[in-house]
Protein backbone atom coordinates (compact mmCIF):
# COMPACT_ATOMS: atom_id res chain seq x y z
CA MET A 1 83.04 119.29 137.79
CA LYS A 2 81.90 115.83 137.47
CA TYR A 3 82.99 114.95 140.63
CA LYS A 4 81.05 116.94 142.62
CA LYS A 5 78.10 116.16 140.67
CA GLU A 6 78.33 112.59 141.56
CA LEU A 7 79.90 113.25 145.22
CA SER A 8 76.31 114.82 145.53
CA CYS A 9 74.36 111.73 144.39
CA ILE A 10 76.50 109.17 146.68
CA LEU A 11 75.87 111.88 149.86
CA VAL A 12 71.63 112.27 149.10
CA ALA A 13 72.01 108.09 149.04
CA ILE A 14 73.21 107.78 152.25
CA GLY A 15 71.00 109.94 154.02
CA ARG A 16 67.73 108.26 152.17
CA ASN A 17 69.19 105.39 153.09
CA VAL A 18 69.89 105.47 156.97
CA LYS A 19 66.61 107.22 156.60
CA ARG A 20 64.70 104.33 154.95
CA LEU A 21 66.72 101.94 157.03
CA ARG A 22 65.88 103.75 160.30
CA LEU A 23 62.60 103.96 159.58
CA GLU A 24 61.56 100.54 158.70
CA LYS A 25 63.40 99.65 162.25
CA GLY A 26 61.36 101.20 163.75
CA LEU A 27 63.75 103.90 164.85
CA THR A 28 63.96 107.38 166.40
CA GLN A 29 67.01 109.00 165.16
CA GLN A 30 68.03 109.64 169.27
CA ASP A 31 67.46 105.44 168.69
CA LEU A 32 70.07 105.16 166.60
CA ALA A 33 72.47 107.35 167.43
CA PHE A 34 72.39 106.07 171.49
CA GLU A 35 72.92 102.48 170.13
CA CYS A 36 75.30 103.62 167.50
CA ASP A 37 77.49 105.89 170.62
CA MET A 38 77.04 109.08 168.52
CA ASP A 39 75.40 112.36 168.88
CA LYS A 40 71.70 112.64 167.36
CA SER A 41 72.85 115.57 165.18
CA THR A 42 75.20 113.10 163.63
CA VAL A 43 72.41 110.86 162.79
CA SER A 44 70.00 113.72 161.67
CA ASN A 45 72.92 115.50 159.72
CA ILE A 46 74.17 112.17 157.38
CA GLU A 47 69.79 112.47 157.45
CA ARG A 48 70.64 115.87 155.77
CA PHE A 49 73.08 114.66 153.30
CA ASN A 50 75.66 116.53 155.18
CA LEU A 51 78.51 114.29 155.68
CA ASP A 52 81.42 116.07 155.44
CA ASN A 53 82.79 114.58 158.47
CA ILE A 54 81.63 111.41 158.38
CA THR A 55 84.02 108.66 158.77
CA ILE A 56 83.41 104.79 157.28
CA GLY A 57 83.54 103.83 160.60
CA THR A 58 80.73 106.03 162.21
CA LEU A 59 78.54 104.51 158.66
CA VAL A 60 79.95 100.70 159.71
CA LYS A 61 78.71 101.37 163.24
CA MET A 62 75.06 103.05 161.89
CA CYS A 63 75.26 99.14 159.58
CA LEU A 64 75.60 97.45 162.41
CA ILE A 65 72.42 98.22 164.20
CA LEU A 66 70.64 99.14 160.95
CA GLU A 67 71.76 95.24 159.78
CA CYS A 68 72.92 95.72 156.54
CA ASN A 69 76.07 96.14 154.79
CA LEU A 70 78.09 99.54 153.72
CA ILE A 71 76.89 98.61 150.30
CA GLU A 72 73.33 98.79 150.66
CA LEU A 73 73.99 102.89 152.16
CA PHE A 74 75.35 103.83 149.02
CA LYS A 75 72.63 102.38 146.84
CA ILE A 76 71.12 104.94 144.02
CA PRO A 77 67.64 104.75 143.71
């Protein structure tokens, strides 16, 4: 049970951090999706904490565009 709670916290952190970094860069979801060569719904899903089918590769692409590292995406405020 503890695993599910910790996983949920991580998913929320990733979603919030992606959104925060995207907004700091002045990007829309569509802009980020285009730059990462992915569908806008993927960005939307991440920001809504729905990361069921998201790969590390996808997160790395986002980090390159958002000019951050994976660790920053996983930070829990």
